[in-house]
N, C-alpha and C. Protein backbone atom coordinates (compact mmCIF):
# COMPACT_ATOMS: atom_id res chain seq x y z
N MET A 1 0.85 -1.04 0.14
CA MET A 1 -0.05 0.09 0.04
C MET A 1 0.74 1.50 0.20
N THR A 2 0.56 2.22 -0.61
CA THR A 2 1.23 3.21 -0.53
C THR A 2 1.18 4.30 0.33
N ASP A 3 2.48 4.97 0.94
CA ASP A 3 2.55 5.51 2.47
C ASP A 3 2.03 6.72 2.21
N PHE A 4 0.63 7.15 2.08
CA PHE A 4 0.51 8.88 2.04
C PHE A 4 0.58 9.44 2.76
N ARG A 5 1.24 8.66 4.17
CA ARG A 5 1.18 9.77 5.57
C ARG A 5 3.00 10.28 4.97
N GLU A 6 3.60 9.30 5.04
CA GLU A 6 5.09 9.54 4.65
C GLU A 6 5.35 10.64 3.28
N ILE A 7 4.80 10.68 2.08
CA ILE A 7 4.40 11.39 0.79
C ILE A 7 4.35 13.12 1.53
N LEU A 8 3.27 12.87 2.38
CA LEU A 8 3.00 14.32 2.53
C LEU A 8 3.89 14.88 3.81
N ARG A 9 4.35 14.30 4.26
CA ARG A 9 5.70 14.63 5.36
C ARG A 9 6.57 15.30 4.77
N LEU A 10 7.14 14.13 3.72
CA LEU A 10 8.60 14.51 3.06
C LEU A 10 7.95 15.69 2.16
N LYS A 11 6.97 16.09 1.58
CA LYS A 11 6.55 17.05 0.48
C LYS A 11 6.60 18.60 1.56
N SER A 12 6.01 18.41 2.91
CA SER A 12 6.24 19.57 3.61
C SER A 12 7.39 19.64 4.12
N LEU A 13 8.43 18.75 3.81
CA LEU A 13 10.26 19.03 4.29
C LEU A 13 10.87 19.82 3.05
N GLY A 14 9.98 19.67 2.09
CA GLY A 14 10.57 20.42 0.78
C GLY A 14 11.07 19.65 -0.38
N PHE A 15 11.02 17.95 0.05
CA PHE A 15 11.50 17.15 -0.94
C PHE A 15 10.91 17.51 -2.48
N SER A 16 11.83 16.79 -3.43
CA SER A 16 10.88 16.87 -4.79
C SER A 16 10.12 15.34 -4.91
N GLU A 17 9.20 15.63 -5.82
CA GLU A 17 8.50 14.42 -6.00
C GLU A 17 9.46 13.24 -6.09
N ARG A 18 10.60 13.57 -7.16
CA ARG A 18 11.47 12.51 -7.65
C ARG A 18 12.21 11.75 -6.23
N ASN A 19 12.81 12.76 -5.27
CA ASN A 19 13.07 11.98 -4.08
C ASN A 19 11.84 11.49 -3.65
N ILE A 20 10.89 11.73 -3.49
CA ILE A 20 10.22 11.17 -2.36
C ILE A 20 9.52 9.86 -2.87
N ALA A 21 9.42 9.48 -4.56
CA ALA A 21 9.03 8.52 -4.91
C ALA A 21 10.21 7.53 -4.85
N ILE A 22 11.76 7.74 -4.44
CA ILE A 22 12.55 7.00 -4.42
C ILE A 22 12.83 6.42 -2.91
N SER A 23 12.23 7.77 -1.97
CA SER A 23 11.98 7.58 -0.56
C SER A 23 11.27 6.53 -0.13
N CYS A 24 10.21 6.76 -0.84
CA CYS A 24 8.60 5.85 -0.49
C CYS A 24 8.57 4.72 -1.75
N PRO A 25 9.31 3.59 -1.81
CA PRO A 25 9.13 2.95 -2.91
C PRO A 25 7.87 2.98 -3.82
N CYS A 26 7.37 4.16 -4.79
CA CYS A 26 6.53 3.85 -5.38
C CYS A 26 6.85 4.80 -6.78
N SER A 27 6.07 4.65 -7.73
CA SER A 27 6.46 5.56 -8.68
C SER A 27 6.30 7.07 -8.88
N ARG A 28 6.99 7.97 -9.56
CA ARG A 28 6.81 9.44 -9.61
C ARG A 28 5.14 9.95 -9.85
N ASN A 29 4.73 9.26 -10.54
CA ASN A 29 3.16 9.59 -11.28
C ASN A 29 2.57 9.21 -9.74
N THR A 30 2.43 8.29 -9.06
CA THR A 30 1.75 8.02 -7.82
C THR A 30 1.88 9.14 -6.69
N VAL A 31 3.43 9.57 -6.51
CA VAL A 31 3.33 10.82 -5.64
C VAL A 31 2.90 12.14 -6.30
N SER A 32 3.05 12.22 -7.61
CA SER A 32 2.10 13.24 -7.88
C SER A 32 0.97 13.06 -8.25
N LYS A 33 0.01 12.13 -8.11
CA LYS A 33 -1.40 12.29 -7.78
C LYS A 33 -1.79 12.40 -6.31
N VAL A 34 -0.89 11.96 -5.76
CA VAL A 34 -1.46 11.65 -4.13
C VAL A 34 -1.37 13.62 -3.55
N LEU A 35 -0.18 13.94 -4.18
CA LEU A 35 -0.19 15.23 -3.96
C LEU A 35 -1.30 16.17 -4.24
N LYS A 36 -1.68 15.68 -5.70
CA LYS A 36 -2.97 16.82 -6.21
C LYS A 36 -4.15 16.52 -5.37
N ARG A 37 -4.35 15.10 -4.87
CA ARG A 37 -5.67 14.80 -4.47
C ARG A 37 -5.55 15.64 -3.08
N ALA A 38 -4.37 15.25 -2.31
CA ALA A 38 -4.24 16.14 -0.87
C ALA A 38 -4.56 17.80 -0.98
N ILE A 39 -4.43 18.38 -2.12
CA ILE A 39 -4.51 19.26 -2.49
C ILE A 39 -6.23 19.67 -2.46
N GLU A 40 -6.38 18.78 -3.44
CA GLU A 40 -8.03 18.68 -3.72
C GLU A 40 -8.76 18.87 -2.35
N LEU A 41 -8.42 17.87 -1.32
CA LEU A 41 -9.12 17.92 -0.34
C LEU A 41 -8.73 18.76 1.01
N LYS A 42 -7.82 19.37 0.27
CA LYS A 42 -7.15 20.61 1.51
C LYS A 42 -6.49 19.61 2.76
N LEU A 43 -5.79 18.56 2.22
CA LEU A 43 -4.71 18.01 3.83
C LEU A 43 -3.53 18.54 3.48
N SER A 44 -3.06 18.80 4.22
CA SER A 44 -1.84 19.27 4.67
C SER A 44 -0.89 18.94 5.77
N TRP A 45 0.39 18.64 6.13
CA TRP A 45 1.27 17.99 7.12
C TRP A 45 1.00 19.20 8.05
N PRO A 46 0.85 19.00 9.32
CA PRO A 46 1.04 17.30 10.08
C PRO A 46 -0.46 17.01 9.89
N LEU A 47 -0.46 15.86 9.63
CA LEU A 47 -2.03 14.76 9.72
C LEU A 47 -2.51 14.77 11.16
N SER A 48 -3.74 14.76 11.31
CA SER A 48 -4.35 14.13 12.33
C SER A 48 -4.25 12.44 12.58
N GLU A 49 -3.73 12.13 14.28
CA GLU A 49 -3.50 10.66 14.08
C GLU A 49 -4.73 9.35 13.40
N GLU A 50 -5.63 10.06 13.53
CA GLU A 50 -7.09 9.11 13.01
C GLU A 50 -6.64 8.83 11.32
N LEU A 51 -6.06 9.90 10.95
CA LEU A 51 -5.84 9.67 9.35
C LEU A 51 -4.59 8.68 9.14
N THR A 52 -4.96 7.33 9.19
CA THR A 52 -3.97 6.40 9.08
C THR A 52 -3.93 6.30 7.72
N ASN A 53 -3.06 5.16 6.94
CA ASN A 53 -2.55 5.32 5.55
C ASN A 53 -3.86 4.67 5.03
N SER A 54 -5.00 3.90 6.03
CA SER A 54 -6.15 3.43 5.21
C SER A 54 -7.26 4.15 5.08
N ALA A 55 -7.24 4.92 5.96
CA ALA A 55 -7.90 5.91 6.05
C ALA A 55 -7.94 6.93 4.68
N LEU A 56 -6.71 7.43 4.78
CA LEU A 56 -6.09 7.84 3.58
C LEU A 56 -6.57 7.77 2.24
N ASN A 57 -6.20 6.41 2.17
CA ASN A 57 -6.36 5.22 0.92
C ASN A 57 -8.01 5.49 0.78
N ALA A 58 -8.86 5.42 1.45
CA ALA A 58 -10.53 5.35 1.21
C ALA A 58 -10.74 6.74 0.80
N LEU A 59 -10.08 7.78 1.49
CA LEU A 59 -10.28 9.22 1.27
C LEU A 59 -9.78 9.72 -0.16
N PHE A 60 -8.79 9.55 -0.64
CA PHE A 60 -8.16 9.51 -1.74
C PHE A 60 -8.76 9.01 -2.84
N TYR A 61 -8.97 7.41 -2.80
CA TYR A 61 -9.70 6.71 -3.67
C TYR A 61 -11.17 6.15 -3.31
N PRO A 62 -12.25 7.10 -3.07
CA PRO A 62 -13.37 6.10 -2.51
C PRO A 62 -14.33 5.36 -3.72
N LYS A 63 -13.74 5.52 -4.85
CA LYS A 63 -14.87 4.60 -5.74
C LYS A 63 -13.91 3.50 -5.89
N GLU A 64 -12.71 3.25 -5.91
CA GLU A 64 -11.90 2.16 -5.76
C GLU A 64 -12.63 1.09 -4.80
N SER A 65 -12.36 1.54 -3.48
CA SER A 65 -12.65 0.45 -2.60
C SER A 65 -14.46 0.17 -2.53
N SER A 66 -15.12 0.84 -3.13
CA SER A 66 -16.31 0.66 -3.06
C SER A 66 -17.00 -0.30 -4.52
N SER A 67 -16.09 -0.24 -5.28
CA SER A 67 -16.47 -0.17 -6.71
C SER A 67 -16.30 -2.19 -6.94
N ILE A 68 -15.46 -2.64 -6.17
CA ILE A 68 -14.81 -3.82 -6.36
C ILE A 68 -16.07 -4.91 -6.11
N PRO A 69 -16.37 -6.02 -6.97
CA PRO A 69 -17.54 -6.62 -6.75
C PRO A 69 -17.14 -7.86 -5.91
N GLN A 70 -17.76 -8.01 -4.89
CA GLN A 70 -17.88 -9.19 -3.96
C GLN A 70 -18.15 -10.30 -4.31
N LYS A 71 -17.23 -10.99 -4.64
CA LYS A 71 -17.52 -12.62 -5.31
C LYS A 71 -17.75 -13.69 -4.06
N ARG A 72 -18.68 -14.50 -4.07
CA ARG A 72 -19.29 -15.69 -3.17
C ARG A 72 -18.24 -16.47 -3.29
N LEU A 73 -17.54 -16.51 -1.71
CA LEU A 73 -16.44 -17.48 -1.51
C LEU A 73 -17.11 -19.03 -1.34
N PRO A 74 -16.26 -20.04 -1.75
CA PRO A 74 -16.82 -21.28 -1.69
C PRO A 74 -16.85 -21.57 -0.30
N ASN A 75 -17.39 -22.60 0.59
CA ASN A 75 -17.83 -23.18 1.70
C ASN A 75 -16.67 -24.24 1.91
N LEU A 76 -15.16 -24.09 2.29
CA LEU A 76 -14.34 -24.73 2.26
C LEU A 76 -14.26 -25.98 3.05
N ASP A 77 -15.08 -25.81 4.09
CA ASP A 77 -15.26 -26.99 5.03
C ASP A 77 -15.92 -28.09 4.37
N TYR A 78 -17.00 -27.77 3.55
CA TYR A 78 -17.66 -28.57 2.79
C TYR A 78 -16.92 -29.36 1.95
N ILE A 79 -16.46 -28.20 0.72
CA ILE A 79 -15.62 -28.80 -0.11
C ILE A 79 -14.38 -29.84 0.29
N HIS A 80 -13.95 -29.39 1.36
CA HIS A 80 -13.00 -30.52 2.13
C HIS A 80 -13.29 -31.97 2.69
N LYS A 81 -14.54 -31.87 2.99
CA LYS A 81 -15.35 -33.14 3.14
C LYS A 81 -15.61 -33.76 2.09
N GLU A 82 -16.24 -33.21 0.84
CA GLU A 82 -16.34 -33.97 -0.14
C GLU A 82 -15.63 -34.19 -1.20
N LEU A 83 -14.12 -33.76 -0.68
CA LEU A 83 -13.10 -34.42 -1.81
C LEU A 83 -12.57 -35.58 -1.23
N LEU A 84 -13.05 -35.86 0.00
CA LEU A 84 -12.59 -36.99 0.85
C LEU A 84 -13.21 -38.30 0.07
N LYS A 85 -14.46 -37.89 -0.35
CA LYS A 85 -15.22 -38.94 -0.86
C LYS A 85 -14.79 -39.70 -2.56
N GLN A 86 -15.14 -41.03 -2.78
CA GLN A 86 -14.66 -41.40 -3.92
C GLN A 86 -15.43 -40.55 -5.03
N GLY A 87 -14.81 -40.30 -6.30
CA GLY A 87 -15.78 -40.10 -7.52
C GLY A 87 -15.92 -38.42 -7.43
N VAL A 88 -15.37 -37.67 -6.21
CA VAL A 88 -15.68 -36.49 -6.15
C VAL A 88 -14.40 -35.52 -6.59
N ASN A 89 -14.44 -34.66 -7.53
CA ASN A 89 -13.40 -33.94 -7.85
C ASN A 89 -13.58 -32.53 -7.70
N LYS A 90 -12.37 -31.60 -7.83
CA LYS A 90 -12.75 -29.87 -8.04
C LYS A 90 -13.69 -29.49 -8.82
N LYS A 91 -13.69 -29.94 -10.14
CA LYS A 91 -14.49 -29.69 -11.20
C LYS A 91 -15.87 -29.67 -10.95
N LEU A 92 -16.21 -31.17 -10.38
CA LEU A 92 -17.67 -31.23 -9.95
C LEU A 92 -18.19 -30.62 -8.56
N LEU A 93 -17.12 -29.90 -7.91
CA LEU A 93 -17.55 -28.98 -6.76
C LEU A 93 -17.54 -27.58 -7.15
N TRP A 94 -16.94 -27.12 -8.22
CA TRP A 94 -17.01 -26.20 -8.97
C TRP A 94 -18.59 -25.99 -9.59
N THR A 95 -18.92 -27.18 -10.42
CA THR A 95 -20.14 -26.92 -10.99
C THR A 95 -21.09 -26.75 -9.90
N GLU A 96 -20.99 -27.56 -8.79
CA GLU A 96 -22.02 -27.23 -7.73
C GLU A 96 -22.49 -25.67 -7.07
N TYR A 97 -20.94 -25.09 -7.13
CA TYR A 97 -20.83 -23.91 -6.66
C TYR A 97 -21.38 -23.01 -7.37
N LEU A 98 -21.13 -22.88 -8.60
CA LEU A 98 -21.43 -22.05 -9.70
C LEU A 98 -23.27 -22.28 -9.54
N GLU A 99 -23.81 -23.36 -9.64
CA GLU A 99 -25.26 -23.58 -9.40
C GLU A 99 -26.10 -22.80 -8.17
N GLU A 100 -25.07 -22.61 -6.92
CA GLU A 100 -25.36 -22.15 -5.80
C GLU A 100 -25.28 -20.60 -5.97
N CYS A 101 -24.42 -20.14 -6.56
CA CYS A 101 -24.07 -18.96 -6.67
C CYS A 101 -24.90 -18.48 -7.81
N ARG A 102 -25.67 -19.22 -8.83
CA ARG A 102 -26.84 -18.50 -9.26
C ARG A 102 -28.12 -18.58 -8.77
N LEU A 103 -28.39 -19.63 -8.01
CA LEU A 103 -29.63 -19.58 -7.28
C LEU A 103 -29.51 -18.32 -5.89
N CYS A 104 -28.55 -18.08 -5.69
CA CYS A 104 -28.40 -17.15 -4.53
C CYS A 104 -28.22 -15.71 -5.32
N ASN A 105 -28.01 -15.11 -6.53
CA ASN A 105 -27.34 -14.01 -7.35
C ASN A 105 -26.15 -13.62 -6.79
N GLY A 106 -25.26 -14.77 -6.37
CA GLY A 106 -23.85 -14.19 -6.12
C GLY A 106 -23.03 -14.39 -7.40
N GLU A 107 -22.14 -13.35 -7.28
CA GLU A 107 -20.80 -13.58 -8.48
C GLU A 107 -19.95 -14.58 -7.73
N PRO A 108 -20.05 -15.82 -9.07
CA PRO A 108 -19.17 -16.82 -8.63
C PRO A 108 -17.60 -16.65 -8.96
N LEU A 109 -16.64 -17.29 -8.66
CA LEU A 109 -15.23 -17.52 -8.75
C LEU A 109 -14.76 -18.21 -10.13
N MET A 110 -13.83 -17.52 -10.75
CA MET A 110 -13.57 -18.65 -11.81
C MET A 110 -12.90 -19.87 -11.42
N TYR A 111 -12.73 -20.83 -12.18
CA TYR A 111 -12.33 -22.08 -11.67
C TYR A 111 -11.04 -22.00 -11.39
N SER A 112 -9.74 -21.45 -11.64
CA SER A 112 -8.65 -21.41 -11.13
C SER A 112 -8.58 -20.59 -9.74
N ARG A 113 -9.39 -19.57 -9.81
CA ARG A 113 -9.54 -19.13 -8.04
C ARG A 113 -9.90 -19.69 -7.28
N PHE A 114 -10.93 -20.70 -7.77
CA PHE A 114 -11.63 -21.67 -7.14
C PHE A 114 -10.63 -22.37 -6.00
N CYS A 115 -10.18 -23.00 -7.38
CA CYS A 115 -8.96 -24.06 -6.84
C CYS A 115 -7.94 -23.59 -6.36
N TYR A 116 -7.55 -22.23 -6.17
CA TYR A 116 -6.43 -21.55 -5.19
C TYR A 116 -6.76 -21.33 -3.89
N TYR A 117 -8.63 -21.33 -3.78
CA TYR A 117 -8.95 -20.92 -2.49
C TYR A 117 -8.46 -22.56 -1.63
N ILE A 118 -8.70 -23.29 -2.60
CA ILE A 118 -8.95 -24.85 -1.93
C ILE A 118 -7.54 -24.98 -1.49
N GLN A 119 -6.59 -24.65 -2.64
CA GLN A 119 -5.40 -24.88 -2.23
C GLN A 119 -4.57 -24.24 -0.83
N GLN A 120 -5.07 -23.11 -0.81
CA GLN A 120 -4.43 -22.31 0.09
C GLN A 120 -5.52 -22.90 1.65
N ASP A 121 -6.41 -23.53 1.78
CA ASP A 121 -7.07 -24.47 2.50
C ASP A 121 -6.42 -25.70 2.98
N GLU A 122 -5.99 -26.16 1.84
CA GLU A 122 -5.43 -27.66 2.04
C GLU A 122 -3.90 -27.43 2.65
N GLN A 123 -3.37 -26.30 2.58
CA GLN A 123 -1.86 -26.02 3.18
C GLN A 123 -2.28 -25.78 4.17
N LYS A 124 -3.40 -25.14 4.66
CA LYS A 124 -3.45 -24.95 6.36
C LYS A 124 -3.77 -26.12 7.05
N ARG A 125 -4.16 -27.25 6.57
CA ARG A 125 -4.56 -28.39 6.82
C ARG A 125 -3.32 -29.45 7.06
N ARG A 126 -2.88 -28.85 6.17
CA ARG A 126 -1.29 -30.11 5.90
C ARG A 126 -0.51 -30.27 7.19
N ALA A 127 -0.12 -31.59 7.29
CA ALA A 127 0.70 -31.44 8.32
C ALA A 127 1.72 -32.43 7.95
N THR A 128 3.06 -32.32 7.79
CA THR A 128 4.29 -33.08 6.94
C THR A 128 5.02 -33.06 8.39
N MET A 129 5.78 -34.27 7.99
CA MET A 129 7.27 -34.26 8.77
C MET A 129 8.04 -35.17 8.13
N HIS A 130 9.22 -34.96 7.81
CA HIS A 130 10.20 -35.62 7.18
C HIS A 130 10.63 -36.80 7.83
N ILE A 131 10.89 -37.68 7.20
CA ILE A 131 11.15 -39.32 7.99
C ILE A 131 12.96 -39.29 7.41
N ASN A 132 13.85 -39.27 7.91
CA ASN A 132 15.06 -39.69 7.60
C ASN A 132 15.32 -41.03 7.07
N ARG A 133 15.54 -41.48 6.30
CA ARG A 133 15.55 -42.97 5.89
C ARG A 133 16.90 -43.20 4.64
N LYS A 134 17.47 -44.44 5.03
CA LYS A 134 18.54 -44.30 4.12
C LYS A 134 17.89 -45.55 3.06
N PRO A 135 18.42 -44.89 1.62
CA PRO A 135 18.13 -45.51 0.36
C PRO A 135 17.64 -46.85 0.46
N GLY A 136 16.93 -47.19 -0.37
CA GLY A 136 16.57 -48.93 -0.22
C GLY A 136 16.56 -49.51 1.11
N GLU A 137 16.61 -48.85 2.16
CA GLU A 137 16.19 -49.54 3.60
C GLU A 137 14.74 -49.97 3.91
N GLN A 138 13.59 -49.34 3.20
CA GLN A 138 12.59 -50.01 3.84
C GLN A 138 11.75 -49.87 2.18
N VAL A 139 10.44 -50.65 2.61
CA VAL A 139 9.66 -50.15 1.30
C VAL A 139 8.45 -50.10 1.89
N GLU A 140 7.52 -48.96 1.25
CA GLU A 140 6.15 -48.46 1.54
C GLU A 140 5.28 -49.02 0.78
N VAL A 141 4.26 -49.38 1.21
CA VAL A 141 3.15 -49.81 0.74
C VAL A 141 1.66 -49.66 0.53
N ASP A 142 0.97 -49.88 -0.42
CA ASP A 142 -0.53 -49.39 0.00
C ASP A 142 -1.02 -50.02 -1.36
N TRP A 143 -2.51 -50.23 -0.96
CA TRP A 143 -3.36 -50.56 -2.46
C TRP A 143 -4.04 -49.29 -2.95
N ALA A 144 -3.73 -49.67 -4.07
CA ALA A 144 -3.99 -47.96 -5.06
C ALA A 144 -5.67 -48.34 -5.49
N GLY A 145 -6.40 -47.23 -5.64
CA GLY A 145 -7.55 -46.56 -5.99
C GLY A 145 -8.55 -48.02 -6.10
N ASP A 146 -9.50 -47.92 -7.05
CA ASP A 146 -10.75 -48.74 -6.92
C ASP A 146 -10.24 -50.15 -7.32
N LEU A 147 -11.36 -51.24 -7.09
CA LEU A 147 -11.01 -52.64 -7.87
C LEU A 147 -10.95 -52.23 -9.20
N ALA A 148 -9.87 -53.10 -9.78
CA ALA A 148 -9.61 -53.25 -11.06
C ALA A 148 -10.40 -54.58 -11.52
N GLN A 149 -10.91 -54.54 -12.81
CA GLN A 149 -11.71 -56.03 -13.37
C GLN A 149 -10.55 -56.29 -14.58
N ILE A 150 -10.80 -57.81 -14.48
CA ILE A 150 -9.85 -58.26 -15.28
C ILE A 150 -10.30 -59.52 -16.11
N ILE A 151 -10.28 -59.61 -17.13
CA ILE A 151 -11.29 -60.44 -18.04
C ILE A 151 -10.35 -61.99 -18.38
N ASP A 152 -10.84 -62.79 -17.79
CA ASP A 152 -10.10 -64.21 -17.91
C ASP A 152 -10.32 -64.62 -19.49
N PRO A 153 -9.31 -64.51 -20.28
CA PRO A 153 -9.45 -64.78 -21.72
C PRO A 153 -9.81 -66.42 -21.93
N ASP A 154 -9.96 -67.22 -21.40
CA ASP A 154 -10.23 -68.56 -22.01
C ASP A 154 -11.62 -68.56 -21.48
N THR A 155 -12.15 -68.36 -20.10
CA THR A 155 -13.76 -68.21 -19.84
C THR A 155 -14.29 -66.85 -19.96
N GLY A 156 -13.67 -66.15 -19.98
CA GLY A 156 -14.46 -64.46 -20.35
C GLY A 156 -15.35 -64.14 -18.74
N GLU A 157 -14.82 -64.89 -17.81
CA GLU A 157 -15.21 -64.28 -16.32
C GLU A 157 -14.33 -63.10 -15.84
N ILE A 158 -15.30 -61.98 -15.50
CA ILE A 158 -14.87 -60.84 -15.12
C ILE A 158 -14.35 -61.04 -13.42
N ILE A 159 -13.26 -60.74 -13.13
CA ILE A 159 -12.48 -61.13 -11.85
C ILE A 159 -11.98 -59.69 -11.23
N ASP A 160 -12.93 -59.37 -10.21
CA ASP A 160 -11.85 -58.46 -9.24
C ASP A 160 -10.79 -58.60 -8.71
N ALA A 161 -10.22 -57.36 -9.28
CA ALA A 161 -8.46 -57.31 -8.82
C ALA A 161 -7.98 -56.06 -7.65
N HIS A 162 -7.56 -56.25 -6.75
CA HIS A 162 -6.71 -55.27 -6.03
C HIS A 162 -5.39 -54.93 -6.52
N ILE A 163 -5.00 -53.43 -6.69
CA ILE A 163 -3.95 -52.87 -7.11
C ILE A 163 -3.05 -52.75 -5.79
N PHE A 164 -1.80 -53.44 -5.74
CA PHE A 164 -1.17 -53.30 -4.71
C PHE A 164 0.36 -52.85 -5.37
N VAL A 165 0.81 -51.58 -4.58
CA VAL A 165 1.56 -50.82 -4.95
C VAL A 165 3.17 -50.82 -3.79
N GLY A 166 4.36 -51.07 -4.03
CA GLY A 166 5.31 -51.20 -3.06
C GLY A 166 6.45 -50.21 -3.74
N VAL A 167 6.77 -49.42 -3.16
CA VAL A 167 7.90 -48.45 -3.25
C VAL A 167 9.17 -48.40 -2.52
N MET A 168 10.48 -48.57 -3.04
CA MET A 168 11.55 -48.53 -2.01
C MET A 168 11.55 -47.43 -1.76
N THR A 169 12.26 -46.84 -0.64
CA THR A 169 12.75 -45.28 -0.59
C THR A 169 13.81 -45.00 -1.62
N TYR A 170 13.65 -43.75 -1.69
CA TYR A 170 14.79 -43.09 -2.62
C TYR A 170 14.70 -43.33 -3.94
N SER A 171 13.47 -44.30 -4.30
CA SER A 171 13.57 -44.74 -5.86
C SER A 171 12.62 -43.89 -6.44
């Protein structure tokens, strides 16, 4: 955020717009706009303590803060529970989210932003720990996915098969 207070303070000390821009990491055009807006609003240094940078931002740019449309955020707890179920994916949940927004006249997020919020929520929930192992010392095993079906070529019988996965560490 632009440091409006510092810009006005440095201007009152006689600094040039170029030097203010260097001191407050922002462009010279931003400094110029802030100073012009301060003159329009008849603001000068020293400012009262109530005029924080946030308050000055709302004062200088009232349209920007109110014109940003509020998007309806997804229910991340519900999404987390649903993603644990088999056959449920983010695309399906996004479609449900779009339908919910349409019914409530809310503005939905695009799919990429929807996935971003889910990813941020997963990062908060994720608990990880590094386990030191020597290469090839252990094998990690698990059953993978749903049951697979194999057709016996001789009899045509359909046989359910479990997929077993074993991976050596560091492989």
